Amino acid sequence: MLLLGAVALLAVAGLAMDENWPKVARVSTSFLTYAVLLLAAVGARRPTGSVAPFRFRAFALAGGASGLASGLVRPDVEADVVAAGVVAGGLLLGGFHWLALIQWRRLHSLATR
């Protein structure tokens, strides 16, 4: 999450330097929605030090909510754009993040043997 937060911070800083305030609002709202929902969904169910696998549905839910938040903060809200953002956020953002964590855990367990 820290790496993703750093990427979002760099993106927001670049947009702010360009004075692109609508996109600053969209990226910030989208990232905060994703981070809060994901940490709440994953953190609430995982005791400290747990080795239980991450659940895809938590990542998909957070990603979909992130896409929804991004779509609703647009200056001109269009239903098809919001729906595409929900699907893309859930599958792409949530899916890639989930896959990256699963693969990282596998690599980490192999390296510590």
PDB file of N, CA and C in Angstrom:
ATOM      1  N   MET A   1       0.822  -1.184   0.000  1.00  0.00           N
ATOM      2  CA  MET A   1       0.000   0.000   0.000  1.00  0.00           C
ATOM      3  C   MET A   1       0.865   1.247   0.000  1.00  0.00           C
ATOM      4  N   LEU A   2       2.011   1.164   0.669  1.00  0.00           N
ATOM      5  CA  LEU A   2       2.902   2.329   0.698  1.00  0.00           C
ATOM      6  C   LEU A   2       3.423   2.675  -0.691  1.00  0.00           C
ATOM      7  N   LEU A   3       3.765   1.669  -1.465  1.00  0.00           N
ATOM      8  CA  LEU A   3       4.247   1.915  -2.829  1.00  0.00           C
ATOM      9  C   LEU A   3       3.146   2.527  -3.681  1.00  0.00           C
ATOM     10  N   LEU A   4       1.948   1.990  -3.580  1.00  0.00           N
ATOM     11  CA  LEU A   4       0.816   2.532  -4.336  1.00  0.00           C
ATOM     12  C   LEU A   4       0.522   3.967  -3.890  1.00  0.00           C
ATOM     13  N   GLY A   5       0.617   4.224  -2.601  1.00  0.00           N
ATOM     14  CA  GLY A   5       0.420   5.583  -2.090  1.00  0.00           C
ATOM     15  C   GLY A   5       1.471   6.551  -2.608  1.00  0.00           C
ATOM     16  N   ALA A   6       2.712   6.081  -2.712  1.00  0.00           N
ATOM     17  CA  ALA A   6       3.781   6.932  -3.245  1.00  0.00           C
ATOM     18  C   ALA A   6       3.525   7.265  -4.713  1.00  0.00           C
ATOM     19  N   VAL A   7       3.062   6.295  -5.470  1.00  0.00           N
ATOM     20  CA  VAL A   7       2.738   6.538  -6.883  1.00  0.00           C
ATOM     21  C   VAL A   7       1.601   7.546  -6.987  1.00  0.00           C
ATOM     22  N   ALA A   8       0.563   7.381  -6.172  1.00  0.00           N
ATOM     23  CA  ALA A   8      -0.568   8.314  -6.189  1.00  0.00           C
ATOM     24  C   ALA A   8      -0.118   9.721  -5.781  1.00  0.00           C
ATOM     25  N   LEU A   9       0.753   9.801  -4.794  1.00  0.00           N
ATOM     26  CA  LEU A   9       1.258  11.103  -4.347  1.00  0.00           C
ATOM     27  C   LEU A   9       2.044  11.804  -5.452  1.00  0.00           C
ATOM     28  N   LEU A  10       2.874  11.051  -6.155  1.00  0.00           N
ATOM     29  CA  LEU A  10       3.620  11.642  -7.281  1.00  0.00           C
ATOM     30  C   LEU A  10       2.677  12.109  -8.385  1.00  0.00           C
ATOM     31  N   ALA A  11       1.657  11.308  -8.667  1.00  0.00           N
ATOM     32  CA  ALA A  11       0.691  11.700  -9.697  1.00  0.00           C
ATOM     33  C   ALA A  11      -0.049  12.973  -9.294  1.00  0.00           C
ATOM     34  N   VAL A  12      -0.488  13.030  -8.048  1.00  0.00           N
ATOM     35  CA  VAL A  12      -1.211  14.217  -7.571  1.00  0.00           C
ATOM     36  C   VAL A  12      -0.295  15.440  -7.572  1.00  0.00           C
ATOM     37  N   ALA A  13       0.956  15.261  -7.180  1.00  0.00           N
ATOM     38  CA  ALA A  13       1.901  16.385  -7.184  1.00  0.00           C
ATOM     39  C   ALA A  13       2.112  16.909  -8.605  1.00  0.00           C
ATOM     40  N   GLY A  14       2.264  16.005  -9.565  1.00  0.00           N
ATOM     41  CA  GLY A  14       2.429  16.428 -10.957  1.00  0.00           C
ATOM     42  C   GLY A  14       1.196  17.153 -11.474  1.00  0.00           C
ATOM     43  N   LEU A  15       0.020  16.640 -11.145  1.00  0.00           N
ATOM     44  CA  LEU A  15      -1.219  17.303 -11.564  1.00  0.00           C
ATOM     45  C   LEU A  15      -1.372  18.668 -10.893  1.00  0.00           C
ATOM     46  N   ALA A  16      -0.966  18.760  -9.640  1.00  0.00           N
ATOM     47  CA  ALA A  16      -1.059  20.041  -8.925  1.00  0.00           C
ATOM     48  C   ALA A  16      -0.103  21.067  -9.526  1.00  0.00           C
ATOM     49  N   MET A  17       1.091  20.620  -9.928  1.00  0.00           N
ATOM     50  CA  MET A  17       2.031  21.557 -10.552  1.00  0.00           C
ATOM     51  C   MET A  17       1.493  22.066 -11.885  1.00  0.00           C
ATOM     52  N   ASP A  18       0.698  21.231 -12.561  1.00  0.00           N
ATOM     53  CA  ASP A  18       0.047  21.654 -13.806  1.00  0.00           C
ATOM     54  C   ASP A  18      -1.245  22.422 -13.536  1.00  0.00           C
ATOM     55  N   GLU A  19      -1.587  22.557 -12.266  1.00  0.00           N
ATOM     56  CA  GLU A  19      -2.816  23.223 -11.838  1.00  0.00           C
ATOM     57  C   GLU A  19      -4.053  22.575 -12.444  1.00  0.00           C
ATOM     58  N   ASN A  20      -4.032  21.251 -12.539  1.00  0.00           N
ATOM     59  CA  ASN A  20      -5.163  20.498 -13.063  1.00  0.00           C
ATOM     60  C   ASN A  20      -5.992  20.014 -11.869  1.00  0.00           C
ATOM     61  N   TRP A  21      -6.722  20.922 -11.273  1.00  0.00           N
ATOM     62  CA  TRP A  21      -7.432  20.650 -10.017  1.00  0.00           C
ATOM     63  C   TRP A  21      -8.536  19.606 -10.151  1.00  0.00           C
ATOM     64  N   PRO A  22      -9.275  19.546 -11.264  1.00  0.00           N
ATOM     65  CA  PRO A  22     -10.274  18.474 -11.378  1.00  0.00           C
ATOM     66  C   PRO A  22      -9.639  17.073 -11.316  1.00  0.00           C
ATOM     67  N   LYS A  23      -8.494  16.900 -11.954  1.00  0.00           N
ATOM     68  CA  LYS A  23      -7.836  15.599 -11.900  1.00  0.00           C
ATOM     69  C   LYS A  23      -7.188  15.343 -10.552  1.00  0.00           C
ATOM     70  N   VAL A  24      -6.718  16.389  -9.886  1.00  0.00           N
ATOM     71  CA  VAL A  24      -6.199  16.223  -8.527  1.00  0.00           C
ATOM     72  C   VAL A  24      -7.314  15.667  -7.640  1.00  0.00           C
ATOM     73  N   ALA A  25      -8.505  16.226  -7.770  1.00  0.00           N
ATOM     74  CA  ALA A  25      -9.646  15.761  -6.977  1.00  0.00           C
ATOM     75  C   ALA A  25     -10.000  14.318  -7.326  1.00  0.00           C
ATOM     76  N   ARG A  26     -10.013  13.983  -8.614  1.00  0.00           N
ATOM     77  CA  ARG A  26     -10.370  12.617  -9.030  1.00  0.00           C
ATOM     78  C   ARG A  26      -9.359  11.593  -8.547  1.00  0.00           C
ATOM     79  N   VAL A  27      -8.076  11.862  -8.757  1.00  0.00           N
ATOM     80  CA  VAL A  27      -7.040  10.898  -8.364  1.00  0.00           C
ATOM     81  C   VAL A  27      -6.995  10.751  -6.844  1.00  0.00           C
ATOM     82  N   SER A  28      -7.077  11.857  -6.132  1.00  0.00           N
ATOM     83  CA  SER A  28      -7.042  11.814  -4.660  1.00  0.00           C
ATOM     84  C   SER A  28      -8.242  11.062  -4.097  1.00  0.00           C
ATOM     85  N   THR A  29      -9.423  11.391  -4.582  1.00  0.00           N
ATOM     86  CA  THR A  29     -10.634  10.730  -4.105  1.00  0.00           C
ATOM     87  C   THR A  29     -10.614   9.249  -4.429  1.00  0.00           C
ATOM     88  N   SER A  30     -10.186   8.939  -5.630  1.00  0.00           N
ATOM     89  CA  SER A  30     -10.129   7.544  -6.054  1.00  0.00           C
ATOM     90  C   SER A  30      -9.144   6.744  -5.209  1.00  0.00           C
ATOM     91  N   PHE A  31      -7.954   7.280  -5.001  1.00  0.00           N
ATOM     92  CA  PHE A  31      -6.949   6.561  -4.209  1.00  0.00           C
ATOM     93  C   PHE A  31      -7.400   6.406  -2.759  1.00  0.00           C
ATOM     94  N   LEU A  32      -7.916   7.471  -2.171  1.00  0.00           N
ATOM     95  CA  LEU A  32      -8.347   7.385  -0.774  1.00  0.00           C
ATOM     96  C   LEU A  32      -9.490   6.383  -0.603  1.00  0.00           C
ATOM     97  N   THR A  33     -10.402   6.349  -1.559  1.00  0.00           N
ATOM     98  CA  THR A  33     -11.489   5.366  -1.512  1.00  0.00           C
ATOM     99  C   THR A  33     -10.926   3.959  -1.570  1.00  0.00           C
ATOM    100  N   TYR A  34     -10.013   3.719  -2.498  1.00  0.00           N
ATOM    101  CA  TYR A  34      -9.401   2.394  -2.640  1.00  0.00           C
ATOM    102  C   TYR A  34      -8.657   1.994  -1.369  1.00  0.00           C
ATOM    103  N   ALA A  35      -7.842   2.885  -0.861  1.00  0.00           N
ATOM    104  CA  ALA A  35      -7.017   2.569   0.307  1.00  0.00           C
ATOM    105  C   ALA A  35      -7.864   2.300   1.548  1.00  0.00           C
ATOM    106  N   VAL A  36      -8.836   3.148   1.799  1.00  0.00           N
ATOM    107  CA  VAL A  36      -9.656   2.983   3.002  1.00  0.00           C
ATOM    108  C   VAL A  36     -10.470   1.698   2.932  1.00  0.00           C
ATOM    109  N   LEU A  37     -11.125   1.455   1.793  1.00  0.00           N
ATOM    110  CA  LEU A  37     -11.936   0.237   1.684  1.00  0.00           C
ATOM    111  C   LEU A  37     -11.081  -1.025   1.716  1.00  0.00           C
ATOM    112  N   LEU A  38      -9.946  -0.992   1.047  1.00  0.00           N
ATOM    113  CA  LEU A  38      -9.101  -2.177   1.038  1.00  0.00           C
ATOM    114  C   LEU A  38      -8.535  -2.462   2.419  1.00  0.00           C
ATOM    115  N   LEU A  39      -8.032  -1.452   3.072  1.00  0.00           N
ATOM    116  CA  LEU A  39      -7.488  -1.658   4.422  1.00  0.00           C
ATOM    117  C   LEU A  39      -8.572  -2.100   5.402  1.00  0.00           C
ATOM    118  N   ALA A  40      -9.773  -1.563   5.250  1.00  0.00           N
ATOM    119  CA  ALA A  40     -10.872  -1.978   6.126  1.00  0.00           C
ATOM    120  C   ALA A  40     -11.270  -3.423   5.845  1.00  0.00           C
ATOM    121  N   ALA A  41     -11.372  -3.790   4.576  1.00  0.00           N
ATOM    122  CA  ALA A  41     -11.814  -5.149   4.221  1.00  0.00           C
ATOM    123  C   ALA A  41     -10.764  -6.197   4.533  1.00  0.00           C
ATOM    124  N   VAL A  42      -9.521  -5.919   4.196  1.00  0.00           N
ATOM    125  CA  VAL A  42      -8.458  -6.895   4.411  1.00  0.00           C
ATOM    126  C   VAL A  42      -7.988  -6.873   5.853  1.00  0.00           C
ATOM    127  N   GLY A  43      -7.803  -5.696   6.405  1.00  0.00           N
ATOM    128  CA  GLY A  43      -7.278  -5.574   7.763  1.00  0.00           C
ATOM    129  C   GLY A  43      -8.240  -6.060   8.827  1.00  0.00           C
ATOM    130  N   ALA A  44      -9.531  -5.905   8.601  1.00  0.00           N
ATOM    131  CA  ALA A  44     -10.507  -6.323   9.601  1.00  0.00           C
ATOM    132  C   ALA A  44     -10.565  -7.838   9.735  1.00  0.00           C
ATOM    133  N   ARG A  45     -10.195  -8.545   8.704  1.00  0.00           N
ATOM    134  CA  ARG A  45     -10.322 -10.003   8.708  1.00  0.00           C
ATOM    135  C   ARG A  45      -9.005 -10.730   8.924  1.00  0.00           C
ATOM    136  N   ARG A  46      -7.895 -10.001   8.978  1.00  0.00           N
ATOM    137  CA  ARG A  46      -6.585 -10.640   9.080  1.00  0.00           C
ATOM    138  C   ARG A  46      -5.907 -10.265  10.383  1.00  0.00           C
ATOM    139  N   PRO A  47      -5.748 -11.223  11.265  1.00  0.00           N
ATOM    140  CA  PRO A  47      -4.989 -10.922  12.479  1.00  0.00           C
ATOM    141  C   PRO A  47      -3.531 -10.618  12.141  1.00  0.00           C
ATOM    142  N   THR A  48      -2.874  -9.900  12.989  1.00  0.00           N
ATOM    143  CA  THR A  48      -1.477  -9.536  12.771  1.00  0.00           C
ATOM    144  C   THR A  48      -0.633 -10.790  12.595  1.00  0.00           C
ATOM    145  N   GLY A  49       0.182 -10.800  11.552  1.00  0.00           N
ATOM    146  CA  GLY A  49       1.057 -11.932  11.293  1.00  0.00           C
ATOM    147  C   GLY A  49       0.367 -13.090  10.606  1.00  0.00           C
ATOM    148  N   SER A  50      -0.875 -12.910  10.190  1.00  0.00           N
ATOM    149  CA  SER A  50      -1.625 -13.988   9.550  1.00  0.00           C
ATOM    150  C   SER A  50      -1.013 -14.344   8.203  1.00  0.00           C
ATOM    151  N   VAL A  51      -1.039 -15.628   7.881  1.00  0.00           N
ATOM    152  CA  VAL A  51      -0.554 -16.068   6.575  1.00  0.00           C
ATOM    153  C   VAL A  51      -1.713 -16.499   5.687  1.00  0.00           C
ATOM    154  N   ALA A  52      -2.933 -16.211   6.098  1.00  0.00           N
ATOM    155  CA  ALA A  52      -4.102 -16.545   5.292  1.00  0.00           C
ATOM    156  C   ALA A  52      -4.031 -15.775   3.976  1.00  0.00           C
ATOM    157  N   PRO A  53      -4.503 -16.385   2.890  1.00  0.00           N
ATOM    158  CA  PRO A  53      -4.423 -15.701   1.599  1.00  0.00           C
ATOM    159  C   PRO A  53      -5.336 -14.475   1.538  1.00  0.00           C
ATOM    160  N   PHE A  54      -4.916 -13.528   0.750  1.00  0.00           N
ATOM    161  CA  PHE A  54      -5.745 -12.350   0.514  1.00  0.00           C
ATOM    162  C   PHE A  54      -6.934 -12.776  -0.342  1.00  0.00           C
ATOM    163  N   ARG A  55      -8.085 -12.211  -0.091  1.00  0.00           N
ATOM    164  CA  ARG A  55      -9.293 -12.517  -0.856  1.00  0.00           C
ATOM    165  C   ARG A  55      -9.440 -11.530  -2.006  1.00  0.00           C
ATOM    166  N   PHE A  56      -9.650 -12.064  -3.207  1.00  0.00           N
ATOM    167  CA  PHE A  56      -9.799 -11.219  -4.389  1.00  0.00           C
ATOM    168  C   PHE A  56     -10.979 -10.275  -4.249  1.00  0.00           C
ATOM    169  N   ARG A  57     -12.063 -10.745  -3.647  1.00  0.00           N
ATOM    170  CA  ARG A  57     -13.269  -9.914  -3.588  1.00  0.00           C
ATOM    171  C   ARG A  57     -13.031  -8.599  -2.846  1.00  0.00           C
ATOM    172  N   ALA A  58     -12.155  -8.587  -1.855  1.00  0.00           N
ATOM    173  CA  ALA A  58     -11.856  -7.339  -1.146  1.00  0.00           C
ATOM    174  C   ALA A  58     -11.170  -6.353  -2.086  1.00  0.00           C
ATOM    175  N   PHE A  59     -10.263  -6.852  -2.902  1.00  0.00           N
ATOM    176  CA  PHE A  59      -9.554  -5.991  -3.851  1.00  0.00           C
ATOM    177  C   PHE A  59     -10.495  -5.513  -4.956  1.00  0.00           C
ATOM    178  N   ALA A  60     -11.354  -6.417  -5.434  1.00  0.00           N
ATOM    179  CA  ALA A  60     -12.311  -6.042  -6.474  1.00  0.00           C
ATOM    180  C   ALA A  60     -13.306  -5.010  -5.954  1.00  0.00           C
ATOM    181  N   LEU A  61     -13.762  -5.189  -4.730  1.00  0.00           N
ATOM    182  CA  LEU A  61     -14.689  -4.233  -4.125  1.00  0.00           C
ATOM    183  C   LEU A  61     -14.039  -2.856  -3.992  1.00  0.00           C
ATOM    184  N   ALA A  62     -12.833  -2.830  -3.470  1.00  0.00           N
ATOM    185  CA  ALA A  62     -12.130  -1.552  -3.305  1.00  0.00           C
ATOM    186  C   ALA A  62     -11.841  -0.908  -4.653  1.00  0.00           C
ATOM    187  N   GLY A  63     -11.430  -1.708  -5.637  1.00  0.00           N
ATOM    188  CA  GLY A  63     -11.164  -1.168  -6.969  1.00  0.00           C
ATOM    189  C   GLY A  63     -12.425  -0.637  -7.632  1.00  0.00           C
ATOM    190  N   GLY A  64     -13.521  -1.372  -7.501  1.00  0.00           N
ATOM    191  CA  GLY A  64     -14.792  -0.911  -8.071  1.00  0.00           C
ATOM    192  C   GLY A  64     -15.269   0.371  -7.421  1.00  0.00           C
ATOM    193  N   ALA A  65     -15.145   0.452  -6.114  1.00  0.00           N
ATOM    194  CA  ALA A  65     -15.525   1.678  -5.403  1.00  0.00           C
ATOM    195  C   ALA A  65     -14.633   2.845  -5.809  1.00  0.00           C
ATOM    196  N   SER A  66     -13.360   2.548  -6.056  1.00  0.00           N
ATOM    197  CA  SER A  66     -12.433   3.577  -6.520  1.00  0.00           C
ATOM    198  C   SER A  66     -12.861   4.110  -7.889  1.00  0.00           C
ATOM    199  N   GLY A  67     -13.238   3.192  -8.778  1.00  0.00           N
ATOM    200  CA  GLY A  67     -13.733   3.608 -10.096  1.00  0.00           C
ATOM    201  C   GLY A  67     -15.017   4.406  -9.999  1.00  0.00           C
ATOM    202  N   LEU A  68     -15.892   4.005  -9.079  1.00  0.00           N
ATOM    203  CA  LEU A  68     -17.140   4.746  -8.864  1.00  0.00           C
ATOM    204  C   LEU A  68     -16.849   6.155  -8.358  1.00  0.00           C
ATOM    205  N   ALA A  69     -15.962   6.254  -7.375  1.00  0.00           N
ATOM    206  CA  ALA A  69     -15.613   7.569  -6.836  1.00  0.00           C
ATOM    207  C   ALA A  69     -15.005   8.461  -7.914  1.00  0.00           C
ATOM    208  N   SER A  70     -14.120   7.895  -8.725  1.00  0.00           N
ATOM    209  CA  SER A  70     -13.499   8.669  -9.799  1.00  0.00           C
ATOM    210  C   SER A  70     -14.549   9.144 -10.800  1.00  0.00           C
ATOM    211  N   GLY A  71     -15.485   8.275 -11.134  1.00  0.00           N
ATOM    212  CA  GLY A  71     -16.518   8.638 -12.095  1.00  0.00           C
ATOM    213  C   GLY A  71     -17.472   9.693 -11.580  1.00  0.00           C
ATOM    214  N   LEU A  72     -17.767   9.653 -10.282  1.00  0.00           N
ATOM    215  CA  LEU A  72     -18.711  10.609  -9.719  1.00  0.00           C
ATOM    216  C   LEU A  72     -18.093  11.977  -9.467  1.00  0.00           C
ATOM    217  N   VAL A  73     -16.764  12.055  -9.418  1.00  0.00           N
ATOM    218  CA  VAL A  73     -16.098  13.336  -9.188  1.00  0.00           C
ATOM    219  C   VAL A  73     -15.830  14.061 -10.514  1.00  0.00           C
ATOM    220  N   ARG A  74     -16.097  13.405 -11.626  1.00  0.00           N
ATOM    221  CA  ARG A  74     -15.900  14.044 -12.937  1.00  0.00           C
ATOM    222  C   ARG A  74     -16.797  15.279 -13.072  1.00  0.00           C
ATOM    223  N   PRO A  75     -16.346  16.256 -13.852  1.00  0.00           N
ATOM    224  CA  PRO A  75     -17.190  17.443 -14.060  1.00  0.00           C
ATOM    225  C   PRO A  75     -18.512  17.107 -14.756  1.00  0.00           C
ATOM    226  N   ASP A  76     -18.481  16.156 -15.691  1.00  0.00           N
ATOM    227  CA  ASP A  76     -19.700  15.726 -16.375  1.00  0.00           C
ATOM    228  C   ASP A  76     -19.873  14.224 -16.158  1.00  0.00           C
ATOM    229  N   VAL A  77     -20.782  13.865 -15.281  1.00  0.00           N
ATOM    230  CA  VAL A  77     -20.993  12.468 -14.904  1.00  0.00           C
ATOM    231  C   VAL A  77     -21.858  11.796 -15.970  1.00  0.00           C
ATOM    232  N   GLU A  78     -21.322  10.727 -16.549  1.00  0.00           N
ATOM    233  CA  GLU A  78     -22.062   9.936 -17.536  1.00  0.00           C
ATOM    234  C   GLU A  78     -22.125   8.502 -17.033  1.00  0.00           C
ATOM    235  N   ALA A  79     -23.312   7.911 -17.099  1.00  0.00           N
ATOM    236  CA  ALA A  79     -23.540   6.587 -16.525  1.00  0.00           C
ATOM    237  C   ALA A  79     -22.631   5.526 -17.134  1.00  0.00           C
ATOM    238  N   ASP A  80     -22.420   5.562 -18.453  1.00  0.00           N
ATOM    239  CA  ASP A  80     -21.588   4.538 -19.087  1.00  0.00           C
ATOM    240  C   ASP A  80     -20.119   4.679 -18.699  1.00  0.00           C
ATOM    241  N   VAL A  81     -19.658   5.893 -18.511  1.00  0.00           N
ATOM    242  CA  VAL A  81     -18.275   6.128 -18.081  1.00  0.00           C
ATOM    243  C   VAL A  81     -18.094   5.663 -16.630  1.00  0.00           C
ATOM    244  N   VAL A  82     -19.071   5.942 -15.786  1.00  0.00           N
ATOM    245  CA  VAL A  82     -19.002   5.504 -14.390  1.00  0.00           C
ATOM    246  C   VAL A  82     -19.025   3.975 -14.321  1.00  0.00           C
ATOM    247  N   ALA A  83     -19.915   3.347 -15.097  1.00  0.00           N
ATOM    248  CA  ALA A  83     -19.996   1.878 -15.099  1.00  0.00           C
ATOM    249  C   ALA A  83     -18.682   1.260 -15.578  1.00  0.00           C
ATOM    250  N   ALA A  84     -18.089   1.833 -16.621  1.00  0.00           N
ATOM    251  CA  ALA A  84     -16.797   1.326 -17.112  1.00  0.00           C
ATOM    252  C   ALA A  84     -15.713   1.512 -16.048  1.00  0.00           C
ATOM    253  N   GLY A  85     -15.752   2.608 -15.323  1.00  0.00           N
ATOM    254  CA  GLY A  85     -14.783   2.854 -14.259  1.00  0.00           C
ATOM    255  C   GLY A  85     -14.911   1.855 -13.118  1.00  0.00           C
ATOM    256  N   VAL A  86     -16.146   1.492 -12.795  1.00  0.00           N
ATOM    257  CA  VAL A  86     -16.377   0.505 -11.733  1.00  0.00           C
ATOM    258  C   VAL A  86     -15.820  -0.856 -12.140  1.00  0.00           C
ATOM    259  N   VAL A  87     -16.123  -1.273 -13.369  1.00  0.00           N
ATOM    260  CA  VAL A  87     -15.646  -2.578 -13.849  1.00  0.00           C
ATOM    261  C   VAL A  87     -14.126  -2.566 -13.989  1.00  0.00           C
ATOM    262  N   ALA A  88     -13.595  -1.528 -14.611  1.00  0.00           N
ATOM    263  CA  ALA A  88     -12.141  -1.445 -14.807  1.00  0.00           C
ATOM    264  C   ALA A  88     -11.405  -1.338 -13.474  1.00  0.00           C
ATOM    265  N   GLY A  89     -11.927  -0.560 -12.556  1.00  0.00           N
ATOM    266  CA  GLY A  89     -11.296  -0.433 -11.245  1.00  0.00           C
ATOM    267  C   GLY A  89     -11.280  -1.748 -10.494  1.00  0.00           C
ATOM    268  N   GLY A  90     -12.404  -2.445 -10.538  1.00  0.00           N
ATOM    269  CA  GLY A  90     -12.491  -3.722  -9.842  1.00  0.00           C
ATOM    270  C   GLY A  90     -11.589  -4.781 -10.435  1.00  0.00           C
ATOM    271  N   LEU A  91     -11.601  -4.892 -11.764  1.00  0.00           N
ATOM    272  CA  LEU A  91     -10.816  -5.943 -12.407  1.00  0.00           C
ATOM    273  C   LEU A  91      -9.352  -5.568 -12.600  1.00  0.00           C
ATOM    274  N   LEU A  92      -9.090  -4.355 -13.042  1.00  0.00           N
ATOM    275  CA  LEU A  92      -7.707  -3.972 -13.337  1.00  0.00           C
ATOM    276  C   LEU A  92      -6.944  -3.549 -12.082  1.00  0.00           C
ATOM    277  N   LEU A  93      -7.423  -2.518 -11.418  1.00  0.00           N
ATOM    278  CA  LEU A  93      -6.708  -2.044 -10.227  1.00  0.00           C
ATOM    279  C   LEU A  93      -6.712  -3.103  -9.129  1.00  0.00           C
ATOM    280  N   GLY A  94      -7.893  -3.568  -8.769  1.00  0.00           N
ATOM    281  CA  GLY A  94      -7.993  -4.583  -7.728  1.00  0.00           C
ATOM    282  C   GLY A  94      -7.335  -5.893  -8.126  1.00  0.00           C
ATOM    283  N   GLY A  95      -7.555  -6.316  -9.361  1.00  0.00           N
ATOM    284  CA  GLY A  95      -7.001  -7.580  -9.835  1.00  0.00           C
ATOM    285  C   GLY A  95      -5.488  -7.590  -9.893  1.00  0.00           C
ATOM    286  N   PHE A  96      -4.912  -6.556 -10.459  1.00  0.00           N
ATOM    287  CA  PHE A  96      -3.454  -6.502 -10.547  1.00  0.00           C
ATOM    288  C   PHE A  96      -2.807  -6.369  -9.166  1.00  0.00           C
ATOM    289  N   HIS A  97      -3.414  -5.592  -8.293  1.00  0.00           N
ATOM    290  CA  HIS A  97      -2.876  -5.439  -6.945  1.00  0.00           C
ATOM    291  C   HIS A  97      -2.925  -6.788  -6.210  1.00  0.00           C
ATOM    292  N   TRP A  98      -4.052  -7.498  -6.324  1.00  0.00           N
ATOM    293  CA  TRP A  98      -4.199  -8.807  -5.688  1.00  0.00           C
ATOM    294  C   TRP A  98      -3.176  -9.796  -6.237  1.00  0.00           C
ATOM    295  N   LEU A  99      -3.046  -9.849  -7.571  1.00  0.00           N
ATOM    296  CA  LEU A  99      -2.071 -10.765  -8.174  1.00  0.00           C
ATOM    297  C   LEU A  99      -0.647 -10.430  -7.752  1.00  0.00           C
ATOM    298  N   ALA A 100      -0.326  -9.155  -7.692  1.00  0.00           N
ATOM    299  CA  ALA A 100       1.021  -8.751  -7.279  1.00  0.00           C
ATOM    300  C   ALA A 100       1.305  -9.202  -5.849  1.00  0.00           C
ATOM    301  N   LEU A 101       0.334  -9.058  -4.964  1.00  0.00           N
ATOM    302  CA  LEU A 101       0.543  -9.483  -3.575  1.00  0.00           C
ATOM    303  C   LEU A 101       0.654 -10.995  -3.459  1.00  0.00           C
ATOM    304  N   ILE A 102      -0.143 -11.722  -4.207  1.00  0.00           N
ATOM    305  CA  ILE A 102      -0.081 -13.187  -4.174  1.00  0.00           C
ATOM    306  C   ILE A 102       1.293 -13.654  -4.667  1.00  0.00           C
ATOM    307  N   GLN A 103       1.746 -13.093  -5.769  1.00  0.00           N
ATOM    308  CA  GLN A 103       3.048 -13.476  -6.314  1.00  0.00           C
ATOM    309  C   GLN A 103       4.176 -13.066  -5.379  1.00  0.00           C
ATOM    310  N   TRP A 104       4.073 -11.885  -4.776  1.00  0.00           N
ATOM    311  CA  TRP A 104       5.097 -11.434  -3.849  1.00  0.00           C
ATOM    312  C   TRP A 104       5.188 -12.380  -2.662  1.00  0.00           C
ATOM    313  N   ARG A 105       4.049 -12.804  -2.140  1.00  0.00           N
ATOM    314  CA  ARG A 105       4.044 -13.724  -0.997  1.00  0.00           C
ATOM    315  C   ARG A 105       4.694 -15.047  -1.380  1.00  0.00           C
ATOM    316  N   ARG A 106       4.431 -15.544  -2.596  1.00  0.00           N
ATOM    317  CA  ARG A 106       5.059 -16.790  -3.055  1.00  0.00           C
ATOM    318  C   ARG A 106       6.563 -16.635  -3.169  1.00  0.00           C
ATOM    319  N   LEU A 107       6.982 -15.530  -3.773  1.00  0.00           N
ATOM    320  CA  LEU A 107       8.421 -15.288  -3.920  1.00  0.00           C
ATOM    321  C   LEU A 107       9.076 -15.120  -2.556  1.00  0.00           C
ATOM    322  N   HIS A 108       8.433 -14.431  -1.669  1.00  0.00           N
ATOM    323  CA  HIS A 108       8.970 -14.205  -0.330  1.00  0.00           C
ATOM    324  C   HIS A 108       9.101 -15.523   0.424  1.00  0.00           C
ATOM    325  N   SER A 109       8.113 -16.399   0.310  1.00  0.00           N
ATOM    326  CA  SER A 109       8.185 -17.689   1.011  1.00  0.00           C
ATOM    327  C   SER A 109       9.266 -18.578   0.411  1.00  0.00           C
ATOM    328  N   LEU A 110       9.490 -18.493  -0.897  1.00  0.00           N
ATOM    329  CA  LEU A 110      10.575 -19.256  -1.524  1.00  0.00           C
ATOM    330  C   LEU A 110      11.949 -18.737  -1.087  1.00  0.00           C
ATOM    331  N   ALA A 111      12.049 -17.438  -0.959  1.00  0.00           N
ATOM    332  CA  ALA A 111      13.335 -16.821  -0.608  1.00  0.00           C
ATOM    333  C   ALA A 111      13.703 -17.068   0.850  1.00  0.00           C
ATOM    334  N   THR A 112      12.726 -17.269   1.702  1.00  0.00           N
ATOM    335  CA  THR A 112      13.028 -17.447   3.121  1.00  0.00           C
ATOM    336  C   THR A 112      13.171 -18.916   3.524  1.00  0.00           C
ATOM    337  N   ARG A 113      13.128 -19.800   2.566  1.00  0.00           N
ATOM    338  CA  ARG A 113      13.285 -21.233   2.894  1.00  0.00           C
ATOM    339  C   ARG A 113      14.713 -21.585   3.151  1.00  0.00           C
TER     340      ARG A 113
END
